[in-house]
Amino acid sequence: MESLQTIKSDDMVEIQSKAIKLTHTGNSIKVLSKEEIFKLIDVHEPYYALKEVRVDEHNFVTATIEAEQPLGEEISPIAAAEACRHLAILGSVCCALINPVKQKHYYLAHRGTYKGAAEKIHYTRKKLVATTTCTFFSKRMASIKACLLDEDNQLICGIETSFHVVPHALFERLYYNFHKETPDFGVTNPYHQKKPLFDVQFSGLSAAASLGKIQDNYCAGHFPHFPAMPVAILMNTLLDLAARYIHHITADKSLKMYVREMTLLADNLGFSGEAVVLHVKQEAYVDNRFKLHCIATSTDNKSVGDITVIIETVKAF
């Protein structure tokens, strides 16, 4: 099976080396508070869950995270979609620090890649280290590369992400129809559990399901006055449907999933009140690896998440 075009392994190793070096040197390191960060980006808690955010003189940024979402059928110290969530948020912080306009902006992930790099199968799910560097920045676009390390500084995964850089005032003009002064985000963290899938159906080499209407509490912290379903949460539900499809097509519900590679397109935001439908289609199946194309669409067939993923199945242990 041909590999997807994702972040290069050499780039991941380079970022890993910088992160390890940063932990052993205290030179020119600045610790960023949440208050400083929230003045520059409009992603807030609980979707924002970075801790101990630090930046060096070269704008190389690190943070610690703890896995929140259930793994479901995945084997990893953290679900692939959740890893993308934390790394992309840290990447937006890195871009905001480079942005010469020190005002609040939206950094909207619209294109990205993911590569799994973990060598271990058994994990303790302890505190993890996220690391990122900005590789391109302009007035309207930015790109980052980022990696996640385990407690032993071993690579778990890496991503590349491109952002649309949107000033706060422009975002409000573009999406004024979706503004809510006080969204009903609820009091519990919605990212501690998976979203249920409804009306799951299988047909040949494909599967479909409904996520129902996006609720305000699906979007807590993303964004405070414009509740939109985070792309990483849509990715998580698409991968859940992919796992359901693999269990169905193999007739083996004991199989676990390791996300090897993934590409992402996110051309639109899915806002609260819009209904979301999920589709998974098999493109290839070789040995124990599936290549699947997964799409999430909302109102008027608007694409809000489009991933191609290579999943390796593993017998339960």
Protein backbone atom coordinates (compact mmCIF):
# COMPACT_ATOMS: atom_id res chain seq x y z
CA MET A 1 0.00 0.00 0.00
CA GLU A 2 1.42 3.36 -1.02
CA SER A 3 2.13 5.75 1.84
CA LEU A 4 0.39 9.11 2.16
CA GLN A 5 2.31 12.36 1.82
CA THR A 6 2.75 13.34 5.45
CA ILE A 7 5.34 15.01 7.67
CA LYS A 8 8.82 13.61 7.02
CA SER A 9 10.42 11.35 9.61
CA ASP A 10 13.62 13.45 9.51
CA ASP A 11 11.63 16.56 10.40
CA MET A 12 10.06 14.75 13.33
CA VAL A 13 13.45 13.64 14.63
CA GLU A 14 14.78 17.20 14.33
CA ILE A 15 11.86 18.59 16.34
CA GLN A 16 12.30 15.81 18.89
CA SER A 17 15.98 16.73 19.30
CA LYS A 18 15.14 20.41 19.82
CA ALA A 19 12.54 19.50 22.44
CA ILE A 20 14.97 17.32 24.37
CA LYS A 21 17.60 20.04 24.23
CA LEU A 22 15.11 22.60 25.49
CA THR A 23 14.29 20.48 28.54
CA HIS A 24 17.98 20.34 29.48
CA THR A 25 18.76 24.03 29.03
CA GLY A 26 17.19 26.96 30.77
CA ASN A 27 18.62 29.58 28.47
CA SER A 28 16.30 32.30 27.17
CA ILE A 29 13.15 30.38 28.02
CA LYS A 30 9.91 32.28 28.58
CA VAL A 31 6.89 30.73 30.27
CA LEU A 32 3.59 31.92 28.79
CA SER A 33 0.48 32.33 30.91
CA LYS A 34 -3.01 31.50 29.67
CA GLU A 35 -3.91 35.18 29.98
CA GLU A 36 -1.12 36.12 27.56
CA ILE A 37 -2.13 33.41 25.11
CA PHE A 38 -5.88 34.19 25.19
CA LYS A 39 -5.11 37.76 24.12
CA LEU A 40 -3.72 36.35 20.85
CA ILE A 41 -5.94 33.36 19.98
CA ASP A 42 -9.66 32.78 20.44
CA VAL A 43 -9.55 29.15 21.57
CA HIS A 44 -10.32 28.85 25.28
CA GLU A 45 -10.75 26.18 27.92
CA PRO A 46 -11.79 23.41 27.99
CA TYR A 47 -10.83 22.85 24.33
CA TYR A 48 -7.55 24.56 25.15
CA ALA A 49 -5.81 22.19 27.58
CA LEU A 50 -2.11 23.05 27.27
CA LYS A 51 0.02 23.36 30.39
CA GLU A 52 3.51 24.73 31.05
CA VAL A 53 3.73 26.53 27.70
CA ARG A 54 7.31 27.66 27.07
CA VAL A 55 9.02 29.42 24.18
CA ASP A 56 12.72 29.89 23.42
CA GLU A 57 14.51 32.70 21.59
CA HIS A 58 13.88 30.97 18.24
CA ASN A 59 10.09 30.74 18.83
CA PHE A 60 10.26 26.99 19.36
CA VAL A 61 7.30 26.27 21.64
CA THR A 62 6.64 23.36 23.99
CA ALA A 63 3.85 22.43 26.37
CA THR A 64 2.70 19.49 28.46
CA ILE A 65 -0.64 17.77 27.98
CA GLU A 66 -2.61 14.91 29.46
CA ALA A 67 -4.80 12.66 27.36
CA GLU A 68 -8.48 13.42 27.96
CA GLN A 69 -10.52 11.56 25.37
CA PRO A 70 -11.17 7.82 25.57
CA LEU A 71 -9.07 5.78 23.17
CA GLY A 72 -11.98 3.68 21.98
CA GLU A 73 -10.50 1.09 19.61
CA GLU A 74 -7.14 2.84 19.18
CA ILE A 75 -3.84 1.67 20.66
CA SER A 76 -1.65 4.64 21.53
CA PRO A 77 -0.94 6.81 24.55
CA ILE A 78 -3.44 9.28 23.05
CA ALA A 79 -6.08 9.16 20.33
CA ALA A 80 -4.78 10.42 16.98
CA ALA A 81 -7.45 13.11 16.69
CA GLU A 82 -6.76 14.38 20.21
CA ALA A 83 -3.04 14.53 19.47
CA CYS A 84 -3.87 16.66 16.42
CA ARG A 85 -6.04 18.88 18.60
CA HIS A 86 -3.33 19.75 21.12
CA LEU A 87 -0.54 20.04 18.55
CA ALA A 88 -2.60 22.32 16.30
CA ILE A 89 -3.54 24.58 19.23
CA LEU A 90 0.11 24.79 20.26
CA GLY A 91 0.94 25.55 16.63
CA SER A 92 -1.53 28.43 16.64
CA VAL A 93 0.21 29.80 19.74
CA CYS A 94 3.55 29.56 17.95
CA CYS A 95 2.14 31.42 14.93
CA ALA A 96 0.58 34.07 17.16
CA LEU A 97 3.96 34.75 18.75
CA ILE A 98 5.49 35.29 15.31
CA ASN A 99 2.59 37.41 14.05
CA PRO A 100 3.79 41.04 14.18
CA VAL A 101 0.23 42.19 14.89
CA LYS A 102 -0.18 41.42 18.58
CA GLN A 103 -3.96 41.25 18.54
CA LYS A 104 -6.44 38.42 18.70
CA HIS A 105 -6.63 36.29 15.55
CA TYR A 106 -8.34 33.07 14.56
CA TYR A 107 -5.95 30.39 13.30
CA LEU A 108 -8.24 28.06 11.34
CA ALA A 109 -6.67 24.71 10.47
CA HIS A 110 -7.66 23.89 6.90
CA ARG A 111 -5.05 21.40 5.68
CA GLY A 112 -2.84 18.96 7.56
CA THR A 113 -1.09 15.62 7.78
CA TYR A 114 -0.47 13.15 10.61
CA LYS A 115 2.06 10.35 11.02
CA GLY A 116 2.18 7.87 13.86
CA ALA A 117 5.68 7.10 15.12
CA ALA A 118 5.21 5.21 18.37
CA GLU A 119 7.15 1.97 18.72
CA LYS A 120 5.59 0.81 21.99
CA ILE A 121 2.20 -0.87 22.25
CA HIS A 122 1.75 -0.74 26.03
CA TYR A 123 1.43 2.74 27.51
CA THR A 124 0.90 4.35 30.89
CA ARG A 125 -0.86 7.48 29.50
CA LYS A 126 1.21 9.82 31.63
CA LYS A 127 1.96 13.46 30.92
CA LEU A 128 3.05 14.04 27.31
CA VAL A 129 5.15 16.79 25.73
CA ALA A 130 3.95 18.73 22.68
CA THR A 131 6.50 20.63 20.59
CA THR A 132 6.10 22.88 17.56
CA THR A 133 7.80 25.32 15.23
CA CYS A 134 6.34 27.73 12.68
CA THR A 135 7.65 27.00 9.17
CA PHE A 136 5.81 29.76 7.27
CA PHE A 137 3.96 32.93 8.17
CA SER A 138 2.24 35.61 6.12
CA LYS A 139 -0.61 38.02 6.69
CA ARG A 140 -3.27 35.45 5.78
CA MET A 141 -1.56 32.04 5.99
CA ALA A 142 0.71 30.15 8.37
CA SER A 143 2.16 26.64 8.62
CA ILE A 144 3.62 24.59 11.45
CA LYS A 145 5.28 21.27 12.12
CA ALA A 146 4.78 19.66 15.50
CA CYS A 147 5.46 16.44 17.39
CA LEU A 148 4.24 14.69 20.49
CA LEU A 149 6.67 12.90 22.82
CA ASP A 150 6.04 10.43 25.62
CA GLU A 151 7.45 10.52 29.15
CA ASP A 152 10.71 9.02 27.84
CA ASN A 153 11.06 11.64 25.08
CA GLN A 154 10.20 9.06 22.43
CA LEU A 155 8.16 10.13 19.42
CA ILE A 156 4.45 9.34 19.43
CA CYS A 157 3.38 11.22 16.32
CA GLY A 158 3.94 14.30 14.20
CA ILE A 159 1.77 16.69 12.22
CA GLU A 160 2.00 19.40 9.60
CA THR A 161 -0.80 21.97 9.63
CA SER A 162 -1.66 25.01 7.52
CA PHE A 163 -3.82 27.76 9.00
CA HIS A 164 -5.93 30.55 7.61
CA VAL A 165 -4.94 33.59 9.70
CA VAL A 166 -8.10 35.63 10.25
CA PRO A 167 -8.20 38.85 12.29
CA HIS A 168 -10.84 38.86 15.01
CA ALA A 169 -12.91 41.67 13.46
CA LEU A 170 -12.92 40.01 10.03
CA PHE A 171 -13.99 36.66 11.52
CA GLU A 172 -16.92 38.36 13.26
CA ARG A 173 -18.03 39.96 9.98
CA LEU A 174 -17.74 36.69 8.05
CA TYR A 175 -19.66 34.59 10.56
CA TYR A 176 -21.99 37.10 12.22
CA ASN A 177 -24.98 34.80 11.53
CA PHE A 178 -23.52 32.24 13.96
CA HIS A 179 -22.74 34.67 16.79
CA LYS A 180 -24.06 33.77 20.25
CA GLU A 181 -23.43 36.09 23.15
CA THR A 182 -23.81 33.33 25.76
CA PRO A 183 -23.63 29.85 24.22
CA ASP A 184 -24.88 26.98 26.38
CA PHE A 185 -21.52 25.25 26.82
CA GLY A 186 -22.68 23.43 29.95
CA VAL A 187 -20.58 22.73 33.02
CA THR A 188 -18.89 19.44 32.10
CA ASN A 189 -15.93 18.96 29.78
CA PRO A 190 -17.35 17.53 26.53
CA TYR A 191 -13.92 16.30 25.48
CA HIS A 192 -13.82 13.64 28.20
CA GLN A 193 -16.20 11.39 26.29
CA LYS A 194 -16.87 10.33 22.74
CA LYS A 195 -19.77 11.62 20.68
CA PRO A 196 -22.46 9.02 19.95
CA LEU A 197 -23.10 7.92 16.37
CA PHE A 198 -26.69 7.52 15.17
CA ASP A 199 -28.24 5.51 12.35
CA VAL A 200 -25.03 3.61 11.52
CA GLN A 201 -25.37 1.81 8.19
CA PHE A 202 -23.06 -0.42 6.15
CA SER A 203 -23.27 -0.84 2.40
CA GLY A 204 -20.67 -2.78 0.45
CA LEU A 205 -17.28 -1.15 1.07
CA SER A 206 -18.65 1.89 2.88
CA ALA A 207 -20.39 3.07 6.02
CA ALA A 208 -22.50 6.06 7.01
CA ALA A 209 -23.77 7.56 10.25
CA SER A 210 -25.30 10.69 11.68
CA LEU A 211 -23.85 12.87 14.41
CA GLY A 212 -27.14 14.72 14.74
CA LYS A 213 -27.24 18.47 15.21
CA ILE A 214 -24.14 20.14 16.62
CA GLN A 215 -24.92 21.30 20.13
CA ASP A 216 -23.30 24.27 21.86
CA ASN A 217 -21.76 21.94 24.43
CA TYR A 218 -19.98 20.00 21.67
CA CYS A 219 -17.94 23.15 21.03
CA ALA A 220 -17.00 24.43 24.49
CA GLY A 221 -14.08 26.84 24.13
CA HIS A 222 -14.19 26.67 20.30
CA PHE A 223 -15.06 29.49 19.99
CA PRO A 224 -16.38 31.51 22.95
CA HIS A 225 -19.02 33.45 20.95
CA PHE A 226 -19.11 31.42 17.73
CA PRO A 227 -19.61 27.78 18.79
CA ALA A 228 -18.17 25.61 16.00
CA MET A 229 -17.44 21.88 16.05
CA PRO A 230 -13.66 21.50 16.34
CA VAL A 231 -12.11 19.71 13.36
CA ALA A 232 -10.26 17.36 15.72
CA ILE A 233 -13.57 16.25 17.26
CA LEU A 234 -15.00 15.60 13.80
CA MET A 235 -11.85 13.60 13.04
CA ASN A 236 -12.44 11.56 16.18
CA THR A 237 -16.01 10.69 15.17
CA LEU A 238 -14.89 9.80 11.63
CA LEU A 239 -12.24 7.46 13.04
CA ASP A 240 -14.87 5.92 15.33
CA LEU A 241 -17.01 5.18 12.28
CA ALA A 242 -13.93 3.82 10.49
CA ALA A 243 -13.36 1.42 13.39
CA ARG A 244 -17.00 0.32 13.25
CA TYR A 245 -16.61 -0.30 9.51
CA ILE A 246 -13.43 -2.36 9.99
CA HIS A 247 -15.11 -4.48 12.66
CA HIS A 248 -18.03 -5.01 10.29
CA ILE A 249 -16.03 -5.88 7.16
CA THR A 250 -13.65 -8.23 9.01
CA ALA A 251 -16.36 -9.70 11.26
CA ASP A 252 -13.87 -9.30 14.12
CA LYS A 253 -14.86 -6.83 16.86
CA SER A 254 -11.76 -7.67 18.89
CA LEU A 255 -9.45 -5.80 16.48
CA LYS A 256 -7.68 -2.69 17.73
CA MET A 257 -6.61 0.19 15.49
CA TYR A 258 -3.31 1.98 15.06
CA VAL A 259 -3.53 5.16 12.96
CA ARG A 260 -0.42 5.08 10.78
CA GLU A 261 -0.96 8.09 8.52
CA MET A 262 -3.63 10.64 7.82
CA THR A 263 -4.28 13.68 5.63
CA LEU A 264 -6.87 16.33 6.41
CA LEU A 265 -8.87 18.95 4.52
CA ALA A 266 -11.18 21.30 6.43
CA ASP A 267 -12.65 23.82 4.02
CA ASN A 268 -15.53 24.98 6.22
CA LEU A 269 -16.60 25.28 9.83
CA GLY A 270 -19.54 23.32 11.19
CA PHE A 271 -21.46 25.61 13.53
CA SER A 272 -23.85 24.85 16.35
CA GLY A 273 -27.31 23.97 15.03
CA GLU A 274 -26.07 22.35 11.83
CA ALA A 275 -26.64 18.62 11.30
CA VAL A 276 -23.60 16.48 10.47
CA VAL A 277 -23.49 13.27 8.43
CA LEU A 278 -20.44 10.99 8.30
CA HIS A 279 -19.27 8.74 5.46
CA VAL A 280 -16.44 6.20 5.28
CA LYS A 281 -15.34 4.48 2.06
CA GLN A 282 -12.68 1.80 1.68
CA GLU A 283 -10.03 2.61 -0.92
CA ALA A 284 -7.60 -0.25 -0.27
CA TYR A 285 -7.06 -3.24 2.01
CA VAL A 286 -3.69 -5.02 2.09
CA ASP A 287 -2.74 -7.54 4.79
CA ASN A 288 -3.77 -5.82 8.03
CA ARG A 289 -3.89 -2.25 6.68
CA PHE A 290 -6.93 -0.32 5.51
CA LYS A 291 -6.89 2.88 3.48
CA LEU A 292 -10.14 4.75 4.08
CA HIS A 293 -11.60 8.02 2.83
CA CYS A 294 -13.77 9.67 5.49
CA ILE A 295 -15.96 12.74 5.00
CA ALA A 296 -18.12 14.83 7.34
CA THR A 297 -20.75 17.08 5.75
CA SER A 298 -23.17 19.52 7.33
CA THR A 299 -26.05 21.66 6.12
CA ASP A 300 -26.37 21.97 2.32
CA ASN A 301 -23.80 19.20 1.88
CA LYS A 302 -21.03 21.52 3.11
CA SER A 303 -17.77 19.64 3.73
CA VAL A 304 -16.56 20.25 7.28
CA GLY A 305 -13.97 17.45 7.49
CA ASP A 306 -12.28 15.27 4.88
CA ILE A 307 -9.61 12.75 5.88
CA THR A 308 -7.78 9.94 4.18
CA VAL A 309 -6.33 7.53 6.71
CA ILE A 310 -4.24 4.37 6.79
CA ILE A 311 -5.18 2.22 9.75
CA GLU A 312 -3.25 -0.86 10.84
CA THR A 313 -5.32 -3.45 12.67
CA VAL A 314 -3.86 -5.21 15.69
CA LYS A 315 -5.17 -8.24 17.53
CA ALA A 316 -6.31 -7.45 21.02
CA PHE A 317 -3.76 -8.35 23.66
